[in-house]
C-alpha cells in the first residue's frame, strides 16, 4: 500500500543516496539497492527541485518548507504546495526521502 505525503510530514534525505553538483547540474545518486529504480540511476533536479531539496533537513515539516519558499519566490501558495507535495511524494516513493 502506497503511503501518502502531507504538509505535516517531516522528511529527510536517505542515507542511501549522495547528492553532488557536477558541471553545474545537481545530481542525486542512489548508492544502495532498492533506492530509485532500475531505469533511472541518476536524478537531476531543476531549480525548483533543488530549492525544495535544500530545505529538507529532517526538522521542518513540509508546511514549513512551503512557508520558507513562499518568502523566497513569487508564486501562488497553491503552486508552491503542489510543487512541494509532488516532489516529496515522488522522491519518497523512490526511497530517496524518508519520513522522520
PDB file of N, CA and C in Angstrom:
ATOM      1  N   UNK A   1       0.847  -1.187   0.000  1.00  0.00           N
ATOM      2  CA  UNK A   1       0.000   0.000   0.000  1.00  0.00           C
ATOM      3  C   UNK A   1       0.887   1.244   0.000  1.00  0.00           C
ATOM      4  N   UNK A   2       0.597   2.161  -0.919  1.00  0.00           N
ATOM      5  CA  UNK A   2       1.384   3.380  -1.040  1.00  0.00           C
ATOM      6  C   UNK A   2       0.981   4.381   0.039  1.00  0.00           C
ATOM      7  N   UNK A   3       1.970   4.933   0.706  1.00  0.00           N
ATOM      8  CA  UNK A   3       1.713   5.919   1.743  1.00  0.00           C
ATOM      9  C   UNK A   3       1.671   7.308   1.113  1.00  0.00           C
ATOM     10  N   UNK A   4       0.763   8.126   1.590  1.00  0.00           N
ATOM     11  CA  UNK A   4       0.669   9.472   1.049  1.00  0.00           C
ATOM     12  C   UNK A   4       1.512  10.432   1.885  1.00  0.00           C
ATOM     13  N   UNK A   5       1.851  11.527   1.262  1.00  0.00           N
ATOM     14  CA  UNK A   5       2.649  12.575   1.892  1.00  0.00           C
ATOM     15  C   UNK A   5       1.734  13.773   2.136  1.00  0.00           C
ATOM     16  N   UNK A   6       1.886  14.408   3.292  1.00  0.00           N
ATOM     17  CA  UNK A   6       1.093  15.605   3.594  1.00  0.00           C
ATOM     18  C   UNK A   6       2.016  16.723   4.062  1.00  0.00           C
ATOM     19  N   UNK A   7       1.469  17.906   4.171  1.00  0.00           N
ATOM     20  CA  UNK A   7       2.254  19.051   4.641  1.00  0.00           C
ATOM     21  C   UNK A   7       2.720  18.873   6.085  1.00  0.00           C
ATOM     22  N   UNK A   8       2.100  17.977   6.833  1.00  0.00           N
ATOM     23  CA  UNK A   8       2.509  17.736   8.218  1.00  0.00           C
ATOM     24  C   UNK A   8       3.754  16.866   8.326  1.00  0.00           C
ATOM     25  N   UNK A   9       4.112  16.191   7.249  1.00  0.00           N
ATOM     26  CA  UNK A   9       5.254  15.280   7.289  1.00  0.00           C
ATOM     27  C   UNK A   9       6.581  16.022   7.383  1.00  0.00           C
ATOM     28  N   UNK A  10       7.504  15.396   8.089  1.00  0.00           N
ATOM     29  CA  UNK A  10       8.886  15.843   8.159  1.00  0.00           C
ATOM     30  C   UNK A  10       9.704  14.786   7.434  1.00  0.00           C
ATOM     31  N   UNK A  11      10.410  15.214   6.395  1.00  0.00           N
ATOM     32  CA  UNK A  11      11.189  14.282   5.590  1.00  0.00           C
ATOM     33  C   UNK A  11      12.665  14.641   5.641  1.00  0.00           C
ATOM     34  N   UNK A  12      13.468  13.622   5.447  1.00  0.00           N
ATOM     35  CA  UNK A  12      14.914  13.805   5.419  1.00  0.00           C
ATOM     36  C   UNK A  12      15.464  13.030   4.229  1.00  0.00           C
ATOM     37  N   UNK A  13      16.657  13.368   3.846  1.00  0.00           N
ATOM     38  CA  UNK A  13      17.322  12.696   2.737  1.00  0.00           C
ATOM     39  C   UNK A  13      17.834  11.351   3.233  1.00  0.00           C
ATOM     40  N   UNK A  14      17.564  10.313   2.468  1.00  0.00           N
ATOM     41  CA  UNK A  14      18.003   8.963   2.814  1.00  0.00           C
ATOM     42  C   UNK A  14      19.524   8.886   2.889  1.00  0.00           C
ATOM     43  N   UNK A  15      20.008   8.068   3.790  1.00  0.00           N
ATOM     44  CA  UNK A  15      21.449   7.824   3.877  1.00  0.00           C
ATOM     45  C   UNK A  15      21.935   6.958   2.715  1.00  0.00           C
ATOM     46  N   UNK A  16      21.007   6.472   1.908  1.00  0.00           N
ATOM     47  CA  UNK A  16      21.340   5.596   0.790  1.00  0.00           C
ATOM     48  C   UNK A  16      21.520   6.347  -0.527  1.00  0.00           C
ATOM     49  N   UNK A  17      21.614   7.673  -0.454  1.00  0.00           N
ATOM     50  CA  UNK A  17      21.887   8.471  -1.649  1.00  0.00           C
ATOM     51  C   UNK A  17      22.971   9.494  -1.339  1.00  0.00           C
ATOM     52  N   UNK A  18      23.649   9.932  -2.387  1.00  0.00           N
ATOM     53  CA  UNK A  18      24.548  11.077  -2.285  1.00  0.00           C
ATOM     54  C   UNK A  18      24.073  12.102  -3.304  1.00  0.00           C
ATOM     55  N   UNK A  19      24.341  13.350  -3.030  1.00  0.00           N
ATOM     56  CA  UNK A  19      23.945  14.422  -3.933  1.00  0.00           C
ATOM     57  C   UNK A  19      25.152  15.318  -4.163  1.00  0.00           C
ATOM     58  N   UNK A  20      25.371  15.647  -5.428  1.00  0.00           N
ATOM     59  CA  UNK A  20      26.523  16.455  -5.812  1.00  0.00           C
ATOM     60  C   UNK A  20      26.153  17.357  -6.979  1.00  0.00           C
ATOM     61  N   UNK A  21      26.840  18.475  -7.074  1.00  0.00           N
ATOM     62  CA  UNK A  21      26.754  19.315  -8.259  1.00  0.00           C
ATOM     63  C   UNK A  21      27.926  18.942  -9.153  1.00  0.00           C
ATOM     64  N   UNK A  22      27.604  18.536 -10.374  1.00  0.00           N
ATOM     65  CA  UNK A  22      28.611  18.116 -11.338  1.00  0.00           C
ATOM     66  C   UNK A  22      28.415  18.949 -12.601  1.00  0.00           C
ATOM     67  N   UNK A  23      29.428  19.720 -12.940  1.00  0.00           N
ATOM     68  CA  UNK A  23      29.386  20.581 -14.121  1.00  0.00           C
ATOM     69  C   UNK A  23      28.114  21.424 -14.150  1.00  0.00           C
ATOM     70  N   UNK A  24      27.765  21.991 -13.007  1.00  0.00           N
ATOM     71  CA  UNK A  24      26.622  22.877 -12.903  1.00  0.00           C
ATOM     72  C   UNK A  24      25.272  22.195 -12.785  1.00  0.00           C
ATOM     73  N   UNK A  25      25.237  20.879 -12.782  1.00  0.00           N
ATOM     74  CA  UNK A  25      23.989  20.141 -12.667  1.00  0.00           C
ATOM     75  C   UNK A  25      23.943  19.420 -11.323  1.00  0.00           C
ATOM     76  N   UNK A  26      22.823  19.570 -10.596  1.00  0.00           N
ATOM     77  CA  UNK A  26      22.669  18.931  -9.293  1.00  0.00           C
ATOM     78  C   UNK A  26      22.132  17.522  -9.493  1.00  0.00           C
ATOM     79  N   UNK A  27      22.882  16.525  -9.022  1.00  0.00           N
ATOM     80  CA  UNK A  27      22.533  15.124  -9.226  1.00  0.00           C
ATOM     81  C   UNK A  27      22.334  14.404  -7.907  1.00  0.00           C
ATOM     82  N   UNK A  28      21.376  13.483  -7.880  1.00  0.00           N
ATOM     83  CA  UNK A  28      21.152  12.573  -6.760  1.00  0.00           C
ATOM     84  C   UNK A  28      21.525  11.187  -7.265  1.00  0.00           C
ATOM     85  N   UNK A  29      22.383  10.515  -6.517  1.00  0.00           N
ATOM     86  CA  UNK A  29      22.893   9.219  -6.930  1.00  0.00           C
ATOM     87  C   UNK A  29      22.574   8.180  -5.863  1.00  0.00           C
ATOM     88  N   UNK A  30      21.723   7.198  -6.172  1.00  0.00           N
ATOM     89  CA  UNK A  30      21.455   6.114  -5.216  1.00  0.00           C
ATOM     90  C   UNK A  30      22.712   5.257  -5.030  1.00  0.00           C
ATOM     91  N   UNK A  31      23.021   4.913  -3.772  1.00  0.00           N
ATOM     92  CA  UNK A  31      24.204   4.090  -3.505  1.00  0.00           C
ATOM     93  C   UNK A  31      23.845   2.751  -2.868  1.00  0.00           C
ATOM     94  N   UNK A  32      22.539   2.455  -2.773  1.00  0.00           N
ATOM     95  CA  UNK A  32      22.102   1.181  -2.193  1.00  0.00           C
ATOM     96  C   UNK A  32      20.996   0.603  -3.059  1.00  0.00           C
ATOM     97  N   UNK A  33      20.894  -0.703  -3.080  1.00  0.00           N
ATOM     98  CA  UNK A  33      19.823  -1.318  -3.865  1.00  0.00           C
ATOM     99  C   UNK A  33      18.482  -1.000  -3.226  1.00  0.00           C
ATOM    100  N   UNK A  34      17.463  -0.929  -4.050  1.00  0.00           N
ATOM    101  CA  UNK A  34      16.130  -0.615  -3.552  1.00  0.00           C
ATOM    102  C   UNK A  34      15.857   0.865  -3.476  1.00  0.00           C
ATOM    103  N   UNK A  35      16.828   1.691  -3.854  1.00  0.00           N
ATOM    104  CA  UNK A  35      16.646   3.135  -3.870  1.00  0.00           C
ATOM    105  C   UNK A  35      16.565   3.547  -5.326  1.00  0.00           C
ATOM    106  N   UNK A  36      15.620   4.402  -5.652  1.00  0.00           N
ATOM    107  CA  UNK A  36      15.426   4.788  -7.035  1.00  0.00           C
ATOM    108  C   UNK A  36      14.721   3.669  -7.770  1.00  0.00           C
ATOM    109  N   UNK A  37      15.064   3.494  -9.024  1.00  0.00           N
ATOM    110  CA  UNK A  37      14.543   2.360  -9.772  1.00  0.00           C
ATOM    111  C   UNK A  37      15.563   1.964 -10.821  1.00  0.00           C
ATOM    112  N   UNK A  38      15.320   0.856 -11.462  1.00  0.00           N
ATOM    113  CA  UNK A  38      16.302   0.313 -12.399  1.00  0.00           C
ATOM    114  C   UNK A  38      16.467   1.188 -13.635  1.00  0.00           C
ATOM    115  N   UNK A  39      15.444   1.948 -14.025  1.00  0.00           N
ATOM    116  CA  UNK A  39      15.529   2.759 -15.225  1.00  0.00           C
ATOM    117  C   UNK A  39      16.334   4.031 -14.993  1.00  0.00           C
ATOM    118  N   UNK A  40      16.235   4.587 -13.821  1.00  0.00           N
ATOM    119  CA  UNK A  40      16.903   5.852 -13.526  1.00  0.00           C
ATOM    120  C   UNK A  40      17.926   5.641 -12.432  1.00  0.00           C
ATOM    121  N   UNK A  41      19.190   5.735 -12.789  1.00  0.00           N
ATOM    122  CA  UNK A  41      20.226   5.576 -11.779  1.00  0.00           C
ATOM    123  C   UNK A  41      20.671   6.915 -11.218  1.00  0.00           C
ATOM    124  N   UNK A  42      20.509   7.974 -11.994  1.00  0.00           N
ATOM    125  CA  UNK A  42      20.841   9.324 -11.562  1.00  0.00           C
ATOM    126  C   UNK A  42      19.590  10.179 -11.655  1.00  0.00           C
ATOM    127  N   UNK A  43      19.462  11.104 -10.736  1.00  0.00           N
ATOM    128  CA  UNK A  43      18.344  12.034 -10.751  1.00  0.00           C
ATOM    129  C   UNK A  43      18.917  13.438 -10.808  1.00  0.00           C
ATOM    130  N   UNK A  44      18.428  14.226 -11.731  1.00  0.00           N
ATOM    131  CA  UNK A  44      18.856  15.607 -11.889  1.00  0.00           C
ATOM    132  C   UNK A  44      17.714  16.507 -11.441  1.00  0.00           C
ATOM    133  N   UNK A  45      18.023  17.505 -10.618  1.00  0.00           N
ATOM    134  CA  UNK A  45      16.982  18.404 -10.122  1.00  0.00           C
ATOM    135  C   UNK A  45      17.028  19.739 -10.849  1.00  0.00           C
ATOM    136  N   UNK A  46      15.845  20.248 -11.176  1.00  0.00           N
ATOM    137  CA  UNK A  46      15.759  21.600 -11.715  1.00  0.00           C
ATOM    138  C   UNK A  46      15.846  22.589 -10.552  1.00  0.00           C
ATOM    139  N   UNK A  47      15.730  23.864 -10.846  1.00  0.00           N
ATOM    140  CA  UNK A  47      15.863  24.894  -9.803  1.00  0.00           C
ATOM    141  C   UNK A  47      14.820  24.743  -8.705  1.00  0.00           C
ATOM    142  N   UNK A  48      13.594  24.438  -9.089  1.00  0.00           N
ATOM    143  CA  UNK A  48      12.519  24.258  -8.102  1.00  0.00           C
ATOM    144  C   UNK A  48      12.820  23.062  -7.201  1.00  0.00           C
ATOM    145  N   UNK A  49      13.177  21.942  -7.801  1.00  0.00           N
ATOM    146  CA  UNK A  49      13.501  20.747  -7.021  1.00  0.00           C
ATOM    147  C   UNK A  49      14.673  20.976  -6.092  1.00  0.00           C
ATOM    148  N   UNK A  50      15.692  21.674  -6.571  1.00  0.00           N
ATOM    149  CA  UNK A  50      16.877  21.968  -5.750  1.00  0.00           C
ATOM    150  C   UNK A  50      16.497  22.859  -4.566  1.00  0.00           C
ATOM    151  N   UNK A  51      15.624  23.840  -4.797  1.00  0.00           N
ATOM    152  CA  UNK A  51      15.191  24.737  -3.712  1.00  0.00           C
ATOM    153  C   UNK A  51      14.464  23.945  -2.627  1.00  0.00           C
ATOM    154  N   UNK A  52      13.624  23.010  -3.023  1.00  0.00           N
ATOM    155  CA  UNK A  52      12.915  22.173  -2.049  1.00  0.00           C
ATOM    156  C   UNK A  52      13.911  21.254  -1.345  1.00  0.00           C
ATOM    157  N   UNK A  53      14.768  20.589  -2.108  1.00  0.00           N
ATOM    158  CA  UNK A  53      15.776  19.669  -1.572  1.00  0.00           C
ATOM    159  C   UNK A  53      16.605  20.340  -0.481  1.00  0.00           C
ATOM    160  N   UNK A  54      17.031  21.568  -0.733  1.00  0.00           N
ATOM    161  CA  UNK A  54      17.889  22.291   0.212  1.00  0.00           C
ATOM    162  C   UNK A  54      17.213  22.544   1.553  1.00  0.00           C
ATOM    163  N   UNK A  55      15.892  22.505   1.590  1.00  0.00           N
ATOM    164  CA  UNK A  55      15.161  22.787   2.833  1.00  0.00           C
ATOM    165  C   UNK A  55      14.745  21.526   3.596  1.00  0.00           C
ATOM    166  N   UNK A  56      14.988  20.372   3.012  1.00  0.00           N
ATOM    167  CA  UNK A  56      14.606  19.113   3.662  1.00  0.00           C
ATOM    168  C   UNK A  56      15.698  18.695   4.643  1.00  0.00           C
ATOM    169  N   UNK A  57      15.588  19.194   5.860  1.00  0.00           N
ATOM    170  CA  UNK A  57      16.641  18.986   6.861  1.00  0.00           C
ATOM    171  C   UNK A  57      16.272  17.961   7.931  1.00  0.00           C
ATOM    172  N   UNK A  58      15.104  17.343   7.803  1.00  0.00           N
ATOM    173  CA  UNK A  58      14.683  16.374   8.805  1.00  0.00           C
ATOM    174  C   UNK A  58      14.135  17.020  10.064  1.00  0.00           C
ATOM    175  N   UNK A  59      13.985  18.343  10.049  1.00  0.00           N
ATOM    176  CA  UNK A  59      13.449  19.059  11.208  1.00  0.00           C
ATOM    177  C   UNK A  59      12.190  19.837  10.851  1.00  0.00           C
ATOM    178  N   UNK A  60      12.140  20.349   9.631  1.00  0.00           N
ATOM    179  CA  UNK A  60      10.999  21.155   9.192  1.00  0.00           C
ATOM    180  C   UNK A  60       9.936  20.266   8.571  1.00  0.00           C
ATOM    181  N   UNK A  61       8.687  20.605   8.857  1.00  0.00           N
ATOM    182  CA  UNK A  61       7.580  19.937   8.166  1.00  0.00           C
ATOM    183  C   UNK A  61       7.529  20.475   6.735  1.00  0.00           C
ATOM    184  N   UNK A  62       6.827  19.767   5.887  1.00  0.00           N
ATOM    185  CA  UNK A  62       6.668  20.254   4.517  1.00  0.00           C
ATOM    186  C   UNK A  62       5.901  21.579   4.502  1.00  0.00           C
ATOM    187  N   UNK A  63       5.042  21.801   5.494  1.00  0.00           N
ATOM    188  CA  UNK A  63       4.354  23.093   5.607  1.00  0.00           C
ATOM    189  C   UNK A  63       5.370  24.212   5.863  1.00  0.00           C
ATOM    190  N   UNK A  64       6.377  23.931   6.686  1.00  0.00           N
ATOM    191  CA  UNK A  64       7.414  24.926   6.946  1.00  0.00           C
ATOM    192  C   UNK A  64       8.276  25.151   5.704  1.00  0.00           C
ATOM    193  N   UNK A  65       8.558  24.082   4.968  1.00  0.00           N
ATOM    194  CA  UNK A  65       9.296  24.210   3.712  1.00  0.00           C
ATOM    195  C   UNK A  65       8.509  25.100   2.749  1.00  0.00           C
ATOM    196  N   UNK A  66       7.212  24.856   2.640  1.00  0.00           N
ATOM    197  CA  UNK A  66       6.347  25.678   1.785  1.00  0.00           C
ATOM    198  C   UNK A  66       6.403  27.145   2.214  1.00  0.00           C
ATOM    199  N   UNK A  67       6.286  27.404   3.509  1.00  0.00           N
ATOM    200  CA  UNK A  67       6.314  28.777   4.011  1.00  0.00           C
ATOM    201  C   UNK A  67       7.651  29.461   3.697  1.00  0.00           C
ATOM    202  N   UNK A  68       8.745  28.742   3.867  1.00  0.00           N
ATOM    203  CA  UNK A  68      10.066  29.293   3.548  1.00  0.00           C
ATOM    204  C   UNK A  68      10.171  29.643   2.066  1.00  0.00           C
ATOM    205  N   UNK A  69       9.677  28.764   1.217  1.00  0.00           N
ATOM    206  CA  UNK A  69       9.741  29.001  -0.227  1.00  0.00           C
ATOM    207  C   UNK A  69       8.863  30.175  -0.640  1.00  0.00           C
ATOM    208  N   UNK A  70       7.745  30.362   0.047  1.00  0.00           N
ATOM    209  CA  UNK A  70       6.863  31.491  -0.265  1.00  0.00           C
ATOM    210  C   UNK A  70       7.547  32.825   0.009  1.00  0.00           C
ATOM    211  N   UNK A  71       8.483  32.832   0.964  1.00  0.00           N
ATOM    212  CA  UNK A  71       9.230  34.056   1.250  1.00  0.00           C
ATOM    213  C   UNK A  71      10.284  34.339   0.179  1.00  0.00           C
ATOM    214  N   UNK A  72      10.721  33.312  -0.522  1.00  0.00           N
ATOM    215  CA  UNK A  72      11.793  33.451  -1.499  1.00  0.00           C
ATOM    216  C   UNK A  72      11.314  33.625  -2.934  1.00  0.00           C
ATOM    217  N   UNK A  73      10.137  33.095  -3.255  1.00  0.00           N
ATOM    218  CA  UNK A  73       9.664  33.079  -4.638  1.00  0.00           C
ATOM    219  C   UNK A  73       8.290  33.717  -4.754  1.00  0.00           C
ATOM    220  N   UNK A  74       8.053  34.378  -5.861  1.00  0.00           N
ATOM    221  CA  UNK A  74       6.759  34.984  -6.125  1.00  0.00           C
ATOM    222  C   UNK A  74       5.896  33.995  -6.900  1.00  0.00           C
ATOM    223  N   UNK A  75       5.340  33.050  -6.173  1.00  0.00           N
ATOM    224  CA  UNK A  75       4.497  32.003  -6.737  1.00  0.00           C
ATOM    225  C   UNK A  75       3.282  31.881  -5.820  1.00  0.00           C
ATOM    226  N   UNK A  76       2.170  31.463  -6.378  1.00  0.00           N
ATOM    227  CA  UNK A  76       0.970  31.330  -5.550  1.00  0.00           C
ATOM    228  C   UNK A  76       1.169  30.232  -4.501  1.00  0.00           C
ATOM    229  N   UNK A  77       0.524  30.371  -3.360  1.00  0.00           N
ATOM    230  CA  UNK A  77       0.618  29.323  -2.338  1.00  0.00           C
ATOM    231  C   UNK A  77       0.197  27.954  -2.864  1.00  0.00           C
ATOM    232  N   UNK A  78      -0.826  27.907  -3.705  1.00  0.00           N
ATOM    233  CA  UNK A  78      -1.291  26.625  -4.252  1.00  0.00           C
ATOM    234  C   UNK A  78      -0.221  25.993  -5.141  1.00  0.00           C
ATOM    235  N   UNK A  79       0.459  26.810  -5.947  1.00  0.00           N
ATOM    236  CA  UNK A  79       1.512  26.277  -6.815  1.00  0.00           C
ATOM    237  C   UNK A  79       2.685  25.747  -6.003  1.00  0.00           C
ATOM    238  N   UNK A  80       3.088  26.488  -4.971  1.00  0.00           N
ATOM    239  CA  UNK A  80       4.201  26.023  -4.133  1.00  0.00           C
ATOM    240  C   UNK A  80       3.804  24.741  -3.401  1.00  0.00           C
ATOM    241  N   UNK A  81       2.591  24.704  -2.876  1.00  0.00           N
ATOM    242  CA  UNK A  81       2.140  23.498  -2.171  1.00  0.00           C
ATOM    243  C   UNK A  81       2.148  22.297  -3.109  1.00  0.00           C
ATOM    244  N   UNK A  82       1.650  22.477  -4.312  1.00  0.00           N
ATOM    245  CA  UNK A  82       1.635  21.385  -5.288  1.00  0.00           C
ATOM    246  C   UNK A  82       3.060  20.932  -5.612  1.00  0.00           C
ATOM    247  N   UNK A  83       3.971  21.885  -5.823  1.00  0.00           N
ATOM    248  CA  UNK A  83       5.361  21.538  -6.130  1.00  0.00           C
ATOM    249  C   UNK A  83       6.012  20.775  -4.983  1.00  0.00           C
ATOM    250  N   UNK A  84       5.833  21.256  -3.765  1.00  0.00           N
ATOM    251  CA  UNK A  84       6.449  20.616  -2.598  1.00  0.00           C
ATOM    252  C   UNK A  84       5.895  19.203  -2.413  1.00  0.00           C
ATOM    253  N   UNK A  85       4.579  19.061  -2.460  1.00  0.00           N
ATOM    254  CA  UNK A  85       3.971  17.754  -2.224  1.00  0.00           C
ATOM    255  C   UNK A  85       4.289  16.763  -3.340  1.00  0.00           C
ATOM    256  N   UNK A  86       4.235  17.191  -4.585  1.00  0.00           N
ATOM    257  CA  UNK A  86       4.512  16.251  -5.674  1.00  0.00           C
ATOM    258  C   UNK A  86       5.981  15.848  -5.693  1.00  0.00           C
ATOM    259  N   UNK A  87       6.890  16.790  -5.453  1.00  0.00           N
ATOM    260  CA  UNK A  87       8.325  16.494  -5.384  1.00  0.00           C
ATOM    261  C   UNK A  87       8.601  15.507  -4.244  1.00  0.00           C
ATOM    262  N   UNK A  88       8.090  15.826  -3.063  1.00  0.00           N
ATOM    263  CA  UNK A  88       8.336  14.980  -1.890  1.00  0.00           C
ATOM    264  C   UNK A  88       7.736  13.591  -2.083  1.00  0.00           C
ATOM    265  N   UNK A  89       6.534  13.507  -2.630  1.00  0.00           N
ATOM    266  CA  UNK A  89       5.881  12.210  -2.820  1.00  0.00           C
ATOM    267  C   UNK A  89       6.671  11.341  -3.794  1.00  0.00           C
ATOM    268  N   UNK A  90       7.152  11.919  -4.874  1.00  0.00           N
ATOM    269  CA  UNK A  90       7.896  11.141  -5.865  1.00  0.00           C
ATOM    270  C   UNK A  90       9.211  10.613  -5.279  1.00  0.00           C
ATOM    271  N   UNK A  91       9.946  11.470  -4.576  1.00  0.00           N
ATOM    272  CA  UNK A  91      11.220  11.024  -4.013  1.00  0.00           C
ATOM    273  C   UNK A  91      11.020  10.094  -2.823  1.00  0.00           C
ATOM    274  N   UNK A  92       9.926  10.260  -2.089  1.00  0.00           N
ATOM    275  CA  UNK A  92       9.601   9.340  -1.001  1.00  0.00           C
ATOM    276  C   UNK A  92       9.285   7.958  -1.569  1.00  0.00           C
ATOM    277  N   UNK A  93       8.498   7.932  -2.636  1.00  0.00           N
ATOM    278  CA  UNK A  93       8.149   6.661  -3.289  1.00  0.00           C
ATOM    279  C   UNK A  93       9.399   5.916  -3.758  1.00  0.00           C
ATOM    280  N   UNK A  94      10.419   6.638  -4.160  1.00  0.00           N
ATOM    281  CA  UNK A  94      11.649   6.040  -4.662  1.00  0.00           C
ATOM    282  C   UNK A  94      12.687   5.801  -3.543  1.00  0.00           C
ATOM    283  N   UNK A  95      12.291   6.025  -2.295  1.00  0.00           N
ATOM    284  CA  UNK A  95      13.159   5.826  -1.117  1.00  0.00           C
ATOM    285  C   UNK A  95      14.355   6.767  -1.091  1.00  0.00           C
ATOM    286  N   UNK A  96      14.244   7.892  -1.760  1.00  0.00           N
ATOM    287  CA  UNK A  96      15.296   8.906  -1.735  1.00  0.00           C
ATOM    288  C   UNK A  96      15.078   9.822  -0.539  1.00  0.00           C
ATOM    289  N   UNK A  97      13.813  10.012  -0.177  1.00  0.00           N
ATOM    290  CA  UNK A  97      13.456  10.730   1.037  1.00  0.00           C
ATOM    291  C   UNK A  97      12.821   9.744   2.011  1.00  0.00           C
ATOM    292  N   UNK A  98      13.057   9.974   3.295  1.00  0.00           N
ATOM    293  CA  UNK A  98      12.479   9.135   4.341  1.00  0.00           C
ATOM    294  C   UNK A  98      11.702   9.993   5.317  1.00  0.00           C
ATOM    295  N   UNK A  99      10.648   9.431   5.870  1.00  0.00           N
ATOM    296  CA  UNK A  99       9.825  10.129   6.864  1.00  0.00           C
ATOM    297  C   UNK A  99      10.499  10.063   8.210  1.00  0.00           C
ATOM    298  N   UNK A 100      10.511  11.160   8.919  1.00  0.00           N
ATOM    299  CA  UNK A 100      11.103  11.232  10.265  1.00  0.00           C
ATOM    300  C   UNK A 100       9.997  11.038  11.284  1.00  0.00           C
TER     301      UNK A 100
END
